[in-house]
Amino acid sequence: MSNAAQIFQTTTRKRWKRVKWTSRVISMVVIFFLVVTILAVVNATNPSLPNINARAKAYQAILNPANKLTLSSAENKKYKGFKDFLVRKQQEDSVKRVLAAKIRTSLIRSAFYTPWNKSSLPDLVKNADKLNTIYPEWFFIDTITFKLQTRIDSAGLAVMKKNNLSIQPIFNNYHSGKTYTDKGFFDSKILHVILNDSSKRKNIISQIADTLTYYGLQGLNIDFEELGEKTNQPLTRFQKELYETLHARNFLVSMDVQAKNEDYDFIELAKYNDHVILMAYDQYSDITGAGPISSQKWIEEQLDWMDDKIDASKIILGVAGYGRDWIDEEEGKRVEDITYAAAIDKAKLSNSSIIFDNDSYNLHYSYNEPATDSASETNHTIWLTDAATTFNILRFSDDYKTAGTALWHLGGEDPRIWKFYARDLSTAALQKNPFDFSRLSKITIDPNTKPTATGEGELLNILYTPDSGIIKIEVDHTEMLIAEQQYIKLPSGYVYEKFAEDKTPTGPGHKIILTFDDGPSAEYT
């Protein structure tokens, strides 16, 4: 056997020591990681991340120039201003969302109450339970003393309180004195005195607050019209003082306005009103000539314009519940506001067909009133709103997320609106609880409404008594709107004819008319 050395044979132990220690180190490393892994699994712990919030606060303290230990610089001042803006914007948006949510949980369904209209009180008695807010026309400016003048009818007040309504009287500058052909008018002169005399202004605001407290009412509605001020400042100042005084005593404040009217500084007034009522009616007047009371597209334009100035959650949309008669006679032209019931009666008397205008969702018809001994032929053009008009307006208003609606006025509306007026008519609400449109296909006129007269004279002949009507309705089920309707049979209230007027050439009062009662006794009659 050869004694030659093997290829890897060595006479020293150095290589063996290296191998052993290398193996030991690798084994220790492996064992360490195994132990760490086992402990991590057993304790279910995750590797910790850097504390971002703590670092952010540290950086914020360094950048914030409000910190006394921070050196002020152009950059950190710029950051501070932008940061404050973001925080403020987030807070404002948050408050706005909360306010909108709060309002939507108590959707305002209100109406204006006018004691001078004989139909208003019976209407209030019958339908107060469909409302949660009422604006009675009770507060005026005394034209001599410039103090508060109240005309509160106890009967109306009792009904409102019985139904737990939020009672917010109207305070306006209406003057019922005999002028302007014996008709009342909005007096800019008496309002000018109040707005610009600090003593009278303070006095009447104090009287208002005391009166609201005395009667246990909930707020005030301002309806100042036909203003003659050169600037917006007097009205805004009055509203600010009124708002601060009434809010200190927990009263609500609202104001009636017209869109695109330069009399109002809308942005400033929004600060001093809990709600702003957009009077979205009277689209056509005696100046413009005959036309819709409030067409759907026009209302949408009005509300869009207002929403740019005042958030929709603060706007109450005014809804028309009446008709208007444009009268063209030999003596000239004039306009009269009429109730829905009167408009229907006039259509029935004249045998007119009521046309539902698909573009405006308002209704209209025309007729000629024959000449009499004392008057020439008269042309009438009548426009009116009805339940279909109101339903479509409420659909738009509720989807727009306004604070609610206010009907002008009780006693003038189509009574069918009370079948839905108290409901939320937003798309979401209707999808959850659909409305039965067939409920609007029949209408009866309240027998308590004022009778309609025709003709002239001292003798009366009843032509119609209250009778129901039939209406065919077509619904756009996609949009949940009333797209078309047709009055198949006109309803009617009491309609009577006046006749036998004395027209003798020598002058009235020279003709004697005898009437006989056809009694039950043939012998003595």
Protein backbone atom coordinates (compact mmCIF):
# COMPACT_ATOMS: atom_id res chain seq x y z
CA MET A 1 0.00 0.00 0.00
CA SER A 2 1.28 3.41 -0.88
CA ASN A 3 1.91 5.96 1.91
CA ALA A 4 1.06 8.95 -0.41
CA ALA A 5 -1.17 11.71 1.18
CA GLN A 6 -4.88 12.13 0.13
CA ILE A 7 -5.85 15.13 -1.95
CA PHE A 8 -7.69 16.95 1.01
CA GLN A 9 -5.51 15.48 3.72
CA THR A 10 -3.73 17.92 6.03
CA THR A 11 -1.44 17.59 8.96
CA THR A 12 -3.09 20.51 10.91
CA ARG A 13 -6.58 20.94 12.58
CA LYS A 14 -7.26 24.50 11.24
CA ARG A 15 -9.65 23.44 8.47
CA TRP A 16 -11.68 21.29 10.84
CA LYS A 17 -12.04 24.19 13.29
CA ARG A 18 -13.30 26.49 10.52
CA VAL A 19 -15.89 23.95 9.46
CA LYS A 20 -17.13 23.45 13.01
CA TRP A 21 -17.42 27.15 13.87
CA THR A 22 -19.06 27.99 10.54
CA SER A 23 -21.62 25.27 11.17
CA ARG A 24 -22.18 26.51 14.69
CA VAL A 25 -22.76 30.14 13.53
CA ILE A 26 -25.19 29.06 10.79
CA SER A 27 -27.02 26.82 13.26
CA MET A 28 -27.32 29.69 15.77
CA VAL A 29 -28.69 32.03 13.12
CA VAL A 30 -31.21 29.43 11.97
CA ILE A 31 -32.22 28.68 15.55
CA PHE A 32 -32.63 32.46 16.26
CA PHE A 33 -34.98 32.98 13.31
CA LEU A 34 -36.90 29.84 14.21
CA VAL A 35 -37.37 31.12 17.76
CA VAL A 36 -38.47 34.59 16.54
CA THR A 37 -40.89 33.04 14.07
CA ILE A 38 -42.36 30.71 16.68
CA LEU A 39 -42.80 33.59 19.19
CA ALA A 40 -44.41 35.82 16.52
CA VAL A 41 -46.89 33.12 15.61
CA VAL A 42 -47.67 32.28 19.23
CA ASN A 43 -48.10 35.94 20.27
CA ALA A 44 -49.85 36.94 17.00
CA THR A 45 -47.93 40.18 16.71
CA ASN A 46 -47.32 42.26 13.60
CA PRO A 47 -44.25 44.26 12.87
CA SER A 48 -44.82 47.80 14.14
CA LEU A 49 -45.15 50.68 11.65
CA PRO A 50 -43.91 54.20 12.13
CA ASN A 51 -46.35 56.38 14.12
CA ILE A 52 -47.57 58.60 11.27
CA ASN A 53 -49.95 60.65 13.45
CA ALA A 54 -47.21 61.45 15.96
CA ARG A 55 -44.85 62.51 13.19
CA ALA A 56 -47.61 64.58 11.54
CA LYS A 57 -48.24 66.44 14.81
CA ALA A 58 -44.51 67.00 15.19
CA TYR A 59 -44.27 68.44 11.67
CA GLN A 60 -47.46 70.46 12.25
CA ALA A 61 -45.96 71.99 15.40
CA ILE A 62 -42.84 72.93 13.45
CA LEU A 63 -44.85 74.49 10.59
CA ASN A 64 -47.58 76.20 12.61
CA PRO A 65 -46.68 79.88 13.01
CA ALA A 66 -49.16 80.16 15.92
CA ASN A 67 -46.75 78.07 17.99
CA LYS A 68 -44.66 80.46 20.11
CA LEU A 69 -41.59 78.22 19.73
CA THR A 70 -41.81 78.27 15.93
CA LEU A 71 -40.01 80.83 13.83
CA SER A 72 -42.45 82.58 11.51
CA SER A 73 -41.81 82.33 7.79
CA ALA A 74 -43.65 83.05 4.54
CA GLU A 75 -44.02 79.34 3.84
CA ASN A 76 -45.49 78.30 7.18
CA LYS A 77 -47.83 81.32 7.17
CA LYS A 78 -49.06 80.20 3.77
CA TYR A 79 -49.55 76.66 5.10
CA LYS A 80 -51.44 77.91 8.17
CA GLY A 81 -53.87 79.94 6.07
CA PHE A 82 -54.60 77.06 3.69
CA LYS A 83 -54.96 74.61 6.60
CA ASP A 84 -57.46 76.87 8.34
CA PHE A 85 -59.46 77.19 5.12
CA LEU A 86 -59.64 73.40 4.71
CA VAL A 87 -60.68 72.88 8.32
CA ARG A 88 -63.31 75.63 8.09
CA LYS A 89 -64.65 74.26 4.82
CA GLN A 90 -64.91 70.76 6.25
CA GLN A 91 -66.73 72.09 9.30
CA GLU A 92 -69.13 74.17 7.19
CA ASP A 93 -69.91 71.21 4.93
CA SER A 94 -70.43 69.01 7.97
CA VAL A 95 -72.79 71.51 9.62
CA LYS A 96 -74.65 71.96 6.35
CA ARG A 97 -75.17 68.21 5.99
CA VAL A 98 -76.35 67.89 9.58
CA LEU A 99 -78.74 70.86 9.17
CA ALA A 100 -80.11 69.47 5.91
CA ALA A 101 -80.65 66.06 7.52
CA LYS A 102 -82.41 67.68 10.49
CA ILE A 103 -84.72 69.68 8.23
CA ARG A 104 -85.55 66.68 6.07
CA THR A 105 -86.67 64.71 9.11
CA SER A 106 -89.31 67.39 9.69
CA LEU A 107 -90.29 68.47 6.17
CA ILE A 108 -92.18 71.76 6.40
CA ARG A 109 -95.70 71.63 5.02
CA SER A 110 -97.21 75.04 5.62
CA ALA A 111 -99.86 77.42 4.35
CA PHE A 112 -100.78 81.09 4.50
CA TYR A 113 -103.96 81.89 6.39
CA THR A 114 -105.94 85.01 5.40
CA PRO A 115 -108.83 85.84 7.77
CA TRP A 116 -110.31 88.29 5.24
CA ASN A 117 -111.09 85.33 3.00
CA LYS A 118 -114.27 83.68 4.28
CA SER A 119 -113.13 80.29 2.98
CA SER A 120 -109.89 80.30 4.95
CA LEU A 121 -111.25 79.40 8.39
CA PRO A 122 -113.42 76.45 7.22
CA ASP A 123 -110.46 75.23 5.18
CA LEU A 124 -108.18 75.52 8.22
CA VAL A 125 -110.63 73.60 10.40
CA LYS A 126 -110.84 70.81 7.84
CA ASN A 127 -107.17 70.50 6.86
CA ALA A 128 -105.03 71.80 9.73
CA ASP A 129 -104.04 68.21 10.52
CA LYS A 130 -102.20 68.02 7.17
CA LEU A 131 -99.98 70.98 8.11
CA ASN A 132 -97.21 71.54 10.63
CA THR A 133 -96.69 75.30 10.12
CA ILE A 134 -99.08 78.20 9.51
CA TYR A 135 -98.50 81.82 8.49
CA PRO A 136 -101.59 83.87 9.48
CA GLU A 137 -101.89 87.44 8.17
CA TRP A 138 -102.18 89.14 11.58
CA PHE A 139 -99.47 91.81 12.04
CA PHE A 140 -99.49 95.24 10.38
CA ILE A 141 -97.99 98.71 10.73
CA ASP A 142 -100.32 101.38 12.10
CA THR A 143 -100.30 104.10 9.46
CA ILE A 144 -100.63 106.91 12.04
CA THR A 145 -98.58 105.82 15.06
CA PHE A 146 -96.20 103.45 13.22
CA LYS A 147 -96.70 100.95 16.03
CA LEU A 148 -97.64 97.30 15.71
CA GLN A 149 -101.26 96.71 14.78
CA THR A 150 -102.64 93.20 15.32
CA ARG A 151 -105.73 91.59 13.80
CA ILE A 152 -105.71 88.17 15.43
CA ASP A 153 -108.92 86.21 14.99
CA SER A 154 -109.53 84.07 18.04
CA ALA A 155 -111.29 81.32 16.07
CA GLY A 156 -108.30 80.76 13.80
CA LEU A 157 -105.86 80.90 16.71
CA ALA A 158 -107.82 78.24 18.59
CA VAL A 159 -107.78 75.85 15.61
CA MET A 160 -104.05 76.36 15.09
CA LYS A 161 -103.23 75.67 18.72
CA LYS A 162 -105.53 72.66 18.87
CA ASN A 163 -103.57 71.12 15.98
CA ASN A 164 -100.17 72.04 17.50
CA LEU A 165 -99.12 74.08 14.48
CA SER A 166 -96.03 76.27 14.49
CA ILE A 167 -97.77 79.66 14.35
CA GLN A 168 -95.67 82.36 12.69
CA PRO A 169 -97.78 85.47 11.89
CA ILE A 170 -97.18 87.50 8.76
CA PHE A 171 -95.92 91.03 9.41
CA ASN A 172 -96.36 93.15 6.30
CA ASN A 173 -96.65 96.70 4.99
CA TYR A 174 -100.12 96.18 3.52
CA HIS A 175 -102.34 99.24 3.73
CA SER A 176 -106.08 98.55 3.53
CA GLY A 177 -107.02 102.22 3.31
CA LYS A 178 -109.36 103.58 0.63
CA THR A 179 -107.15 104.42 -2.29
CA TYR A 180 -106.04 102.83 -5.53
CA THR A 181 -109.72 102.37 -6.52
CA ASP A 182 -110.68 101.36 -2.99
CA LYS A 183 -108.28 98.43 -2.98
CA GLY A 184 -105.54 97.86 -0.47
CA PHE A 185 -101.91 98.05 -1.46
CA PHE A 186 -98.41 97.50 -0.15
CA ASP A 187 -97.36 100.89 1.24
CA SER A 188 -93.69 101.69 0.66
CA LYS A 189 -93.98 104.99 2.57
CA ILE A 190 -94.94 103.59 5.98
CA LEU A 191 -92.31 100.91 5.55
CA HIS A 192 -89.68 103.54 4.75
CA VAL A 193 -90.36 105.23 8.11
CA ILE A 194 -89.94 101.97 10.03
CA LEU A 195 -86.78 100.95 8.19
CA ASN A 196 -85.03 104.28 8.62
CA ASP A 197 -86.16 105.53 12.03
CA SER A 198 -84.10 103.73 14.69
CA SER A 199 -86.49 104.61 17.52
CA LYS A 200 -89.63 103.42 15.70
CA ARG A 201 -87.76 100.36 14.44
CA LYS A 202 -86.65 99.37 17.93
CA ASN A 203 -90.12 100.01 19.35
CA ILE A 204 -92.03 97.90 16.83
CA ILE A 205 -89.52 95.02 17.08
CA SER A 206 -89.99 95.06 20.87
CA GLN A 207 -93.78 95.06 20.44
CA ILE A 208 -93.55 92.09 18.07
CA ALA A 209 -91.44 90.09 20.53
CA ASP A 210 -93.81 90.86 23.41
CA THR A 211 -96.91 89.97 21.37
CA LEU A 212 -95.44 86.64 20.21
CA THR A 213 -94.63 85.85 23.83
CA TYR A 214 -98.06 86.88 25.11
CA TYR A 215 -99.96 84.66 22.65
CA GLY A 216 -97.49 81.76 22.90
CA LEU A 217 -96.60 81.82 19.19
CA GLN A 218 -93.52 80.33 17.56
CA GLY A 219 -92.12 82.95 15.21
CA LEU A 220 -92.63 85.68 12.62
CA ASN A 221 -92.87 85.85 8.85
CA ILE A 222 -91.84 89.10 7.12
CA ASP A 223 -93.71 90.03 3.93
CA PHE A 224 -92.45 93.45 2.83
CA GLU A 225 -93.36 94.22 -0.78
CA GLU A 226 -93.12 97.15 -3.18
CA LEU A 227 -90.08 98.53 -1.36
CA GLY A 228 -88.94 101.99 -2.36
CA GLU A 229 -85.49 102.04 -0.74
CA LYS A 230 -82.48 103.27 -2.70
CA THR A 231 -80.23 100.55 -1.28
CA ASN A 232 -80.62 97.13 0.37
CA GLN A 233 -79.03 98.35 3.60
CA PRO A 234 -82.20 99.55 5.46
CA LEU A 235 -84.03 96.25 4.98
CA THR A 236 -80.98 94.15 5.88
CA ARG A 237 -80.40 96.25 9.01
CA PHE A 238 -84.03 95.84 10.11
CA GLN A 239 -83.90 92.10 9.53
CA LYS A 240 -80.66 91.78 11.50
CA GLU A 241 -82.08 93.64 14.50
CA LEU A 242 -85.34 91.69 14.34
CA TYR A 243 -83.54 88.34 14.02
CA GLU A 244 -81.21 89.00 16.94
CA THR A 245 -84.07 90.15 19.18
CA LEU A 246 -86.40 87.26 18.34
CA HIS A 247 -83.71 84.58 18.38
CA ALA A 248 -82.71 85.66 21.87
CA ARG A 249 -86.26 84.69 22.86
CA ASN A 250 -86.29 81.43 20.85
CA PHE A 251 -88.57 82.61 18.03
CA LEU A 252 -88.18 81.57 14.39
CA VAL A 253 -87.84 84.19 11.64
CA SER A 254 -88.64 83.87 7.94
CA MET A 255 -89.03 86.26 5.02
CA ASP A 256 -91.03 86.14 1.78
CA VAL A 257 -88.98 87.06 -1.29
CA GLN A 258 -89.18 87.08 -5.06
CA ALA A 259 -86.25 85.75 -7.06
CA LYS A 260 -84.25 88.20 -9.20
CA ASN A 261 -85.66 91.14 -7.22
CA GLU A 262 -83.09 93.86 -6.54
CA ASP A 263 -84.94 94.93 -3.37
CA TYR A 264 -83.28 92.05 -1.52
CA ASP A 265 -79.65 91.36 -0.66
CA PHE A 266 -80.22 87.60 -0.64
CA ILE A 267 -76.82 86.58 0.67
CA GLU A 268 -76.99 88.94 3.66
CA LEU A 269 -80.66 88.22 4.39
CA ALA A 270 -79.89 84.50 4.54
CA LYS A 271 -77.83 85.21 7.66
CA TYR A 272 -80.81 86.73 9.46
CA ASN A 273 -83.58 84.27 8.58
CA ASP A 274 -84.19 80.69 9.60
CA HIS A 275 -86.02 80.20 6.32
CA VAL A 276 -86.66 82.21 3.18
CA ILE A 277 -89.99 81.65 1.41
CA LEU A 278 -89.64 81.89 -2.36
CA MET A 279 -92.93 83.27 -3.72
CA ALA A 280 -92.89 81.15 -6.87
CA TYR A 281 -96.23 82.37 -8.22
CA ASP A 282 -97.74 85.44 -9.91
CA GLN A 283 -95.64 84.64 -13.00
CA TYR A 284 -98.08 86.65 -15.12
CA SER A 285 -99.88 89.74 -13.86
CA ASP A 286 -102.00 92.66 -15.03
CA ILE A 287 -98.84 94.17 -16.52
CA THR A 288 -97.75 91.14 -18.52
CA GLY A 289 -101.17 89.97 -19.64
CA ALA A 290 -102.72 86.52 -19.36
CA GLY A 291 -100.50 83.52 -18.70
CA PRO A 292 -99.73 80.71 -16.25
CA ILE A 293 -99.85 81.33 -12.51
CA SER A 294 -96.62 79.39 -12.03
CA SER A 295 -95.33 77.16 -14.83
CA GLN A 296 -93.16 74.20 -13.90
CA LYS A 297 -90.11 75.30 -15.91
CA TRP A 298 -90.34 78.84 -14.53
CA ILE A 299 -90.41 77.53 -10.94
CA GLU A 300 -87.36 75.38 -11.63
CA GLU A 301 -85.51 78.44 -12.97
CA GLN A 302 -86.55 80.52 -9.95
CA LEU A 303 -85.35 77.91 -7.46
CA ASP A 304 -82.08 77.32 -9.34
CA TRP A 305 -81.39 81.05 -9.27
CA MET A 306 -82.16 81.26 -5.54
CA ASP A 307 -80.03 78.22 -4.73
CA ASP A 308 -76.98 80.11 -5.99
CA LYS A 309 -77.62 82.73 -3.29
CA ILE A 310 -79.18 80.69 -0.47
CA ASP A 311 -78.75 76.98 0.17
CA ALA A 312 -81.86 75.03 -0.83
CA SER A 313 -82.14 73.50 2.66
CA LYS A 314 -83.08 76.98 3.90
CA ILE A 315 -85.64 77.72 1.16
CA ILE A 316 -89.36 77.07 1.52
CA LEU A 317 -91.01 76.96 -1.90
CA GLY A 318 -94.20 79.02 -2.17
CA VAL A 319 -96.94 77.13 -4.05
CA ALA A 320 -99.93 78.74 -5.77
CA GLY A 321 -103.42 77.58 -4.82
CA TYR A 322 -105.67 79.94 -6.78
CA GLY A 323 -106.70 81.19 -10.22
CA ARG A 324 -106.57 84.51 -12.02
CA ASP A 325 -109.14 86.11 -14.33
CA TRP A 326 -107.95 88.59 -16.97
CA ILE A 327 -111.03 90.65 -17.83
CA ASP A 328 -111.18 92.67 -21.04
CA GLU A 329 -114.17 94.99 -21.08
CA GLU A 330 -115.15 98.25 -22.74
CA GLU A 331 -114.00 100.31 -19.75
CA GLY A 332 -110.55 98.73 -19.89
CA LYS A 333 -108.66 95.71 -18.66
CA ARG A 334 -108.42 94.42 -15.11
CA VAL A 335 -107.30 91.31 -13.26
CA GLU A 336 -109.01 89.47 -10.42
CA ASP A 337 -107.65 86.66 -8.28
CA ILE A 338 -110.21 83.91 -7.90
CA THR A 339 -110.40 80.62 -6.05
CA TYR A 340 -110.16 77.23 -7.74
CA ALA A 341 -113.85 76.65 -6.95
CA ALA A 342 -114.85 79.95 -8.59
CA ALA A 343 -112.74 79.15 -11.67
CA ILE A 344 -114.51 75.79 -12.03
CA ASP A 345 -117.94 77.39 -11.58
CA LYS A 346 -117.19 80.02 -14.23
CA ALA A 347 -116.14 77.27 -16.64
CA LYS A 348 -119.36 75.36 -15.97
CA LEU A 349 -121.52 78.48 -16.40
CA SER A 350 -119.87 79.40 -19.70
CA ASN A 351 -119.76 75.80 -20.92
CA SER A 352 -115.99 76.12 -21.37
CA SER A 353 -113.51 73.27 -21.74
CA ILE A 354 -110.61 73.45 -19.31
CA ILE A 355 -107.27 72.90 -21.02
CA PHE A 356 -104.33 71.31 -19.19
CA ASP A 357 -101.19 72.90 -20.61
CA ASN A 358 -98.52 70.17 -20.96
CA ASP A 359 -95.70 72.69 -20.97
CA SER A 360 -96.58 74.66 -17.82
CA TYR A 361 -98.75 72.09 -15.96
CA ASN A 362 -101.21 74.96 -15.40
CA LEU A 363 -104.79 75.08 -16.70
CA HIS A 364 -106.65 77.72 -18.70
CA TYR A 365 -109.78 78.54 -20.66
CA SER A 366 -111.47 81.61 -22.20
CA TYR A 367 -115.05 82.70 -22.71
CA ASN A 368 -117.11 85.75 -23.66
CA GLU A 369 -119.65 87.06 -21.18
CA PRO A 370 -122.71 88.32 -23.14
CA ALA A 371 -123.63 91.99 -23.08
CA THR A 372 -126.34 93.19 -20.70
CA ASP A 373 -128.39 96.38 -20.48
CA SER A 374 -125.68 97.93 -18.33
CA ALA A 375 -122.49 96.39 -19.75
CA SER A 376 -121.00 95.44 -23.08
CA GLU A 377 -119.66 92.01 -23.94
CA THR A 378 -116.73 91.03 -21.72
CA ASN A 379 -113.89 88.67 -22.56
CA HIS A 380 -112.44 86.47 -19.79
CA THR A 381 -109.15 84.59 -19.90
CA ILE A 382 -108.65 82.41 -16.85
CA TRP A 383 -105.53 80.55 -15.71
CA LEU A 384 -105.48 78.37 -12.61
CA THR A 385 -103.57 75.70 -10.74
CA ASP A 386 -105.03 72.45 -9.51
CA ALA A 387 -103.98 69.23 -7.74
CA ALA A 388 -101.93 68.05 -10.74
CA THR A 389 -100.01 71.33 -10.79
CA THR A 390 -99.34 71.13 -7.07
CA PHE A 391 -98.34 67.46 -7.13
CA ASN A 392 -95.73 68.07 -9.84
CA ILE A 393 -94.35 71.13 -8.02
CA LEU A 394 -94.03 69.22 -4.74
CA ARG A 395 -92.28 66.36 -6.55
CA PHE A 396 -89.66 68.80 -7.83
CA SER A 397 -89.35 70.64 -4.50
CA ASP A 398 -88.91 67.48 -2.44
CA ASP A 399 -86.29 66.03 -4.79
CA TYR A 400 -84.48 69.38 -4.75
CA LYS A 401 -84.21 68.98 -0.96
CA THR A 402 -85.82 72.30 -0.04
CA ALA A 403 -86.94 72.84 3.55
CA GLY A 404 -90.55 72.37 2.43
CA THR A 405 -93.48 74.21 0.88
CA ALA A 406 -95.94 77.00 1.73
CA LEU A 407 -99.36 77.16 0.08
CA TRP A 408 -100.79 80.54 -0.89
CA HIS A 409 -103.49 80.49 0.37
CA LEU A 410 -105.98 78.46 2.41
CA GLY A 411 -109.44 78.59 0.84
CA GLY A 412 -108.23 79.16 -2.69
CA GLU A 413 -106.82 75.75 -3.58
CA ASP A 414 -108.06 72.63 -5.29
CA PRO A 415 -109.24 70.49 -2.33
CA ARG A 416 -107.69 67.36 -3.87
CA ILE A 417 -104.22 68.53 -2.83
CA TRP A 418 -104.97 67.43 0.74
CA LYS A 419 -104.80 63.82 -0.40
CA PHE A 420 -101.01 64.20 -0.72
CA TYR A 421 -99.89 67.56 0.68
CA ALA A 422 -98.73 66.16 4.02
CA ARG A 423 -96.58 63.50 2.33
CA ASP A 424 -92.92 63.52 1.34
CA LEU A 425 -93.11 63.25 -2.47
CA SER A 426 -89.42 62.76 -3.16
CA THR A 427 -88.46 59.94 -5.51
CA ALA A 428 -87.06 57.84 -2.67
CA ALA A 429 -90.23 58.30 -0.58
CA LEU A 430 -92.54 57.39 -3.49
CA GLN A 431 -90.51 54.30 -4.35
CA LYS A 432 -90.90 53.15 -0.77
CA ASN A 433 -94.57 54.18 -0.47
CA PRO A 434 -96.21 54.70 -3.91
CA PHE A 435 -99.06 57.17 -4.34
CA ASP A 436 -102.42 56.02 -5.67
CA PHE A 437 -103.11 58.53 -8.47
CA SER A 438 -106.66 57.27 -8.90
CA ARG A 439 -107.51 59.22 -5.74
CA LEU A 440 -107.30 62.39 -7.85
CA SER A 441 -109.79 61.28 -10.52
CA LYS A 442 -112.84 62.49 -8.60
CA ILE A 443 -113.42 65.91 -7.10
CA THR A 444 -116.12 67.41 -4.95
CA ILE A 445 -116.39 71.11 -4.15
CA ASP A 446 -116.77 71.94 -0.48
CA PRO A 447 -120.34 73.26 0.02
CA ASN A 448 -118.92 75.81 2.47
CA THR A 449 -117.11 77.65 -0.33
CA LYS A 450 -118.44 81.01 -1.45
CA PRO A 451 -121.28 80.73 -4.04
CA THR A 452 -120.61 82.01 -7.56
CA ALA A 453 -123.01 84.58 -9.03
CA THR A 454 -123.82 85.59 -12.59
CA GLY A 455 -126.04 88.30 -14.04
CA GLU A 456 -127.55 91.39 -12.43
CA GLY A 457 -130.68 92.09 -10.46
CA GLU A 458 -132.45 91.58 -7.17
CA LEU A 459 -134.00 88.17 -7.85
CA LEU A 460 -132.02 84.96 -7.54
CA ASN A 461 -132.24 81.66 -9.32
CA ILE A 462 -130.07 78.72 -8.22
CA LEU A 463 -128.47 77.16 -11.30
CA TYR A 464 -126.19 74.53 -9.76
CA THR A 465 -125.76 72.89 -6.39
CA PRO A 466 -122.56 71.14 -5.23
CA ASP A 467 -121.83 68.20 -7.51
CA SER A 468 -118.77 66.00 -8.00
CA GLY A 469 -116.61 66.00 -11.11
CA ILE A 470 -114.65 63.36 -12.99
CA ILE A 471 -111.09 63.85 -14.21
CA LYS A 472 -109.03 61.50 -16.37
CA ILE A 473 -105.36 61.46 -15.35
CA GLU A 474 -102.33 60.16 -17.24
CA VAL A 475 -99.22 59.45 -15.19
CA ASP A 476 -95.58 59.35 -16.25
CA HIS A 477 -94.62 56.37 -14.08
CA THR A 478 -90.92 56.76 -14.85
CA GLU A 479 -90.76 60.30 -13.43
CA MET A 480 -93.81 59.81 -11.19
CA LEU A 481 -95.41 63.00 -12.52
CA ILE A 482 -98.89 63.81 -13.80
CA ALA A 483 -98.27 64.23 -17.53
CA GLU A 484 -101.82 64.85 -18.74
CA GLN A 485 -105.35 65.26 -17.43
CA GLN A 486 -108.78 65.88 -18.86
CA TYR A 487 -111.82 67.26 -17.06
CA ILE A 488 -114.51 64.82 -18.24
CA LYS A 489 -117.24 66.24 -16.02
CA LEU A 490 -116.91 69.58 -14.28
CA PRO A 491 -117.72 69.70 -10.59
CA SER A 492 -119.61 72.67 -9.21
CA GLY A 493 -120.44 74.49 -6.03
CA TYR A 494 -123.45 76.70 -5.49
CA VAL A 495 -124.00 78.82 -8.62
CA TYR A 496 -126.86 81.29 -8.79
CA GLU A 497 -128.20 83.77 -11.33
CA LYS A 498 -129.19 87.34 -10.48
CA PHE A 499 -131.91 88.79 -12.72
CA ALA A 500 -134.80 91.28 -13.07
CA GLU A 501 -132.65 94.38 -12.72
CA ASP A 502 -134.66 97.62 -13.11
CA LYS A 503 -133.60 99.19 -16.44
CA THR A 504 -136.48 101.61 -16.98
CA PRO A 505 -135.53 104.73 -19.02
CA THR A 506 -136.61 107.08 -16.22
CA GLY A 507 -134.03 105.54 -13.93
CA PRO A 508 -133.77 102.56 -11.62
CA GLY A 509 -136.10 102.26 -8.69
CA HIS A 510 -139.38 102.92 -10.56
CA LYS A 511 -140.30 99.33 -11.24
CA ILE A 512 -142.16 97.23 -8.67
CA ILE A 513 -141.74 93.50 -8.86
CA LEU A 514 -144.30 91.32 -7.10
CA THR A 515 -143.66 87.69 -6.28
CA PHE A 516 -146.17 85.14 -5.07
CA ASP A 517 -145.60 82.17 -2.83
CA ASP A 518 -147.23 79.15 -4.37
CA GLY A 519 -148.38 77.74 -1.06
CA PRO A 520 -149.96 74.37 -0.35
CA SER A 521 -153.55 75.76 -0.25
CA ALA A 522 -155.23 75.94 -3.65
CA GLU A 523 -158.15 77.89 -2.07
CA TYR A 524 -156.19 80.84 -0.72
CA THR A 525 -153.21 81.04 -3.11
